[in-house]
Amino acid sequence: MYRVRISDLDKLVQRLRENGFYVGRHSYSYRLFYKGKLVAGLHLYPGYREASLRLYRVHRDLAEAVRDQIIMAIRDVFPDYKIVVKWYPPENP
């Protein structure tokens, strides 16, 4: 089983904060605020080595502007993780 060090979870918080985010973390879940607006949720699944990034449509312009910064921070701390990016709520077909 793949384990994650708590120091790596905290390192990701630090990387995001260095990029201007306010970050709340509980276990493997993160809430990301930028310029006072909730722009994304991030959930790590260590057993699958996957990071699920949900960008919130309600603040789409901000979320699009910072998407690459978030992905770069994840890759910096968890380089072997697959990153799945989704918009929430999903668009209607």
C-alpha atoms as a PDB file:
ATOM      1  CA  MET A   1       0.000   0.000   0.000  1.00  0.00           C
ATOM      2  CA  TYR A   2       1.230   3.466  -0.863  1.00  0.00           C
ATOM      3  CA  ARG A   3       1.512   5.797   2.107  1.00  0.00           C
ATOM      4  CA  VAL A   4       1.684   9.569   2.197  1.00  0.00           C
ATOM      5  CA  ARG A   5       3.777  11.424   4.716  1.00  0.00           C
ATOM      6  CA  ILE A   6       1.970  14.128   6.652  1.00  0.00           C
ATOM      7  CA  SER A   7       4.891  16.406   5.852  1.00  0.00           C
ATOM      8  CA  ASP A   8       4.065  16.049   2.131  1.00  0.00           C
ATOM      9  CA  LEU A   9       0.422  16.929   2.750  1.00  0.00           C
ATOM     10  CA  ASP A  10       1.582  20.016   4.646  1.00  0.00           C
ATOM     11  CA  LYS A  11       4.152  20.803   1.944  1.00  0.00           C
ATOM     12  CA  LEU A  12       1.352  21.007  -0.620  1.00  0.00           C
ATOM     13  CA  VAL A  13      -0.476  23.486   1.619  1.00  0.00           C
ATOM     14  CA  GLN A  14       2.686  25.572   1.808  1.00  0.00           C
ATOM     15  CA  ARG A  15       3.254  25.512  -1.968  1.00  0.00           C
ATOM     16  CA  LEU A  16      -0.300  26.651  -2.597  1.00  0.00           C
ATOM     17  CA  ARG A  17      -0.061  29.404   0.016  1.00  0.00           C
ATOM     18  CA  GLU A  18       3.151  30.630  -1.618  1.00  0.00           C
ATOM     19  CA  ASN A  19       1.046  31.135  -4.766  1.00  0.00           C
ATOM     20  CA  GLY A  20      -1.506  33.306  -2.983  1.00  0.00           C
ATOM     21  CA  PHE A  21      -4.106  30.700  -2.017  1.00  0.00           C
ATOM     22  CA  TYR A  22      -5.854  30.358   1.300  1.00  0.00           C
ATOM     23  CA  VAL A  23      -5.939  26.602   1.891  1.00  0.00           C
ATOM     24  CA  GLY A  24      -7.996  24.551   4.297  1.00  0.00           C
ATOM     25  CA  ARG A  25      -7.000  20.898   4.671  1.00  0.00           C
ATOM     26  CA  HIS A  26      -8.683  17.986   6.372  1.00  0.00           C
ATOM     27  CA  SER A  27      -7.089  14.597   5.886  1.00  0.00           C
ATOM     28  CA  TYR A  28      -6.611  14.180   2.115  1.00  0.00           C
ATOM     29  CA  SER A  29      -9.022  16.951   1.122  1.00  0.00           C
ATOM     30  CA  TYR A  30      -8.209  20.570   0.442  1.00  0.00           C
ATOM     31  CA  ARG A  31     -10.384  23.625  -0.130  1.00  0.00           C
ATOM     32  CA  LEU A  32      -8.709  26.346  -2.151  1.00  0.00           C
ATOM     33  CA  PHE A  33      -9.657  30.000  -1.976  1.00  0.00           C
ATOM     34  CA  TYR A  34      -8.163  32.679  -4.171  1.00  0.00           C
ATOM     35  CA  LYS A  35      -8.833  36.389  -3.712  1.00  0.00           C
ATOM     36  CA  GLY A  36     -11.447  35.496  -1.115  1.00  0.00           C
ATOM     37  CA  LYS A  37     -13.391  33.167  -3.434  1.00  0.00           C
ATOM     38  CA  LEU A  38     -13.698  29.392  -3.291  1.00  0.00           C
ATOM     39  CA  VAL A  39     -12.184  28.270  -6.599  1.00  0.00           C
ATOM     40  CA  ALA A  40     -11.443  24.565  -6.173  1.00  0.00           C
ATOM     41  CA  GLY A  41     -11.571  21.429  -4.116  1.00  0.00           C
ATOM     42  CA  LEU A  42      -8.736  18.933  -4.208  1.00  0.00           C
ATOM     43  CA  HIS A  43      -8.919  15.331  -3.048  1.00  0.00           C
ATOM     44  CA  LEU A  44      -5.940  12.978  -2.910  1.00  0.00           C
ATOM     45  CA  TYR A  45      -6.328   9.232  -3.294  1.00  0.00           C
ATOM     46  CA  PRO A  46      -2.956   7.804  -2.232  1.00  0.00           C
ATOM     47  CA  GLY A  47      -3.936   4.183  -2.902  1.00  0.00           C
ATOM     48  CA  TYR A  48      -4.496   5.085  -6.547  1.00  0.00           C
ATOM     49  CA  ARG A  49      -1.823   7.790  -6.720  1.00  0.00           C
ATOM     50  CA  GLU A  50      -4.458  10.145  -8.019  1.00  0.00           C
ATOM     51  CA  ALA A  51      -5.383  13.754  -7.346  1.00  0.00           C
ATOM     52  CA  SER A  52      -8.894  14.887  -8.216  1.00  0.00           C
ATOM     53  CA  LEU A  53      -9.114  18.635  -8.779  1.00  0.00           C
ATOM     54  CA  ARG A  54     -12.615  20.119  -8.921  1.00  0.00           C
ATOM     55  CA  LEU A  55     -12.746  23.637 -10.256  1.00  0.00           C
ATOM     56  CA  TYR A  56     -15.920  25.511  -9.333  1.00  0.00           C
ATOM     57  CA  ARG A  57     -17.861  27.187 -12.127  1.00  0.00           C
ATOM     58  CA  VAL A  58     -19.307  29.840  -9.848  1.00  0.00           C
ATOM     59  CA  HIS A  59     -15.895  31.585  -9.999  1.00  0.00           C
ATOM     60  CA  ARG A  60     -14.850  30.246 -13.393  1.00  0.00           C
ATOM     61  CA  ASP A  61     -12.634  33.189 -14.412  1.00  0.00           C
ATOM     62  CA  LEU A  62     -10.569  32.926 -11.228  1.00  0.00           C
ATOM     63  CA  ALA A  63     -10.450  29.131 -11.389  1.00  0.00           C
ATOM     64  CA  GLU A  64      -9.213  29.171 -14.980  1.00  0.00           C
ATOM     65  CA  ALA A  65      -6.589  31.767 -14.100  1.00  0.00           C
ATOM     66  CA  VAL A  66      -5.088  29.646 -11.307  1.00  0.00           C
ATOM     67  CA  ARG A  67      -5.641  26.103 -12.631  1.00  0.00           C
ATOM     68  CA  ASP A  68      -2.058  25.720 -13.877  1.00  0.00           C
ATOM     69  CA  GLN A  69      -0.621  27.023 -10.594  1.00  0.00           C
ATOM     70  CA  ILE A  70      -2.587  24.397  -8.676  1.00  0.00           C
ATOM     71  CA  ILE A  71      -1.483  21.604 -11.015  1.00  0.00           C
ATOM     72  CA  MET A  72       2.165  22.689 -10.785  1.00  0.00           C
ATOM     73  CA  ALA A  73       1.997  22.649  -6.969  1.00  0.00           C
ATOM     74  CA  ILE A  74       0.522  19.141  -6.997  1.00  0.00           C
ATOM     75  CA  ARG A  75       3.209  17.908  -9.420  1.00  0.00           C
ATOM     76  CA  ASP A  76       5.918  19.486  -7.290  1.00  0.00           C
ATOM     77  CA  VAL A  77       4.900  17.522  -4.192  1.00  0.00           C
ATOM     78  CA  PHE A  78       3.350  14.408  -5.773  1.00  0.00           C
ATOM     79  CA  PRO A  79       5.120  13.981  -9.141  1.00  0.00           C
ATOM     80  CA  ASP A  80       3.898  10.414  -9.696  1.00  0.00           C
ATOM     81  CA  TYR A  81       0.195  11.215  -9.213  1.00  0.00           C
ATOM     82  CA  LYS A  82      -2.291  11.237 -12.052  1.00  0.00           C
ATOM     83  CA  ILE A  83      -4.203  14.546 -11.926  1.00  0.00           C
ATOM     84  CA  VAL A  84      -7.866  14.460 -12.927  1.00  0.00           C
ATOM     85  CA  VAL A  85      -9.408  17.895 -13.525  1.00  0.00           C
ATOM     86  CA  LYS A  86     -13.186  18.332 -13.488  1.00  0.00           C
ATOM     87  CA  TRP A  87     -15.502  21.318 -13.427  1.00  0.00           C
ATOM     88  CA  TYR A  88     -18.246  21.411 -10.831  1.00  0.00           C
ATOM     89  CA  PRO A  89     -21.081  21.376 -11.407  1.00  0.00           C
ATOM     90  CA  PRO A  90     -20.644  19.588 -14.726  1.00  0.00           C
ATOM     91  CA  GLU A  91     -22.106  21.220 -17.807  1.00  0.00           C
ATOM     92  CA  ASN A  92     -25.457  19.906 -18.961  1.00  0.00           C
ATOM     93  CA  PRO A  93     -25.231  17.820 -22.140  1.00  0.00           C
END
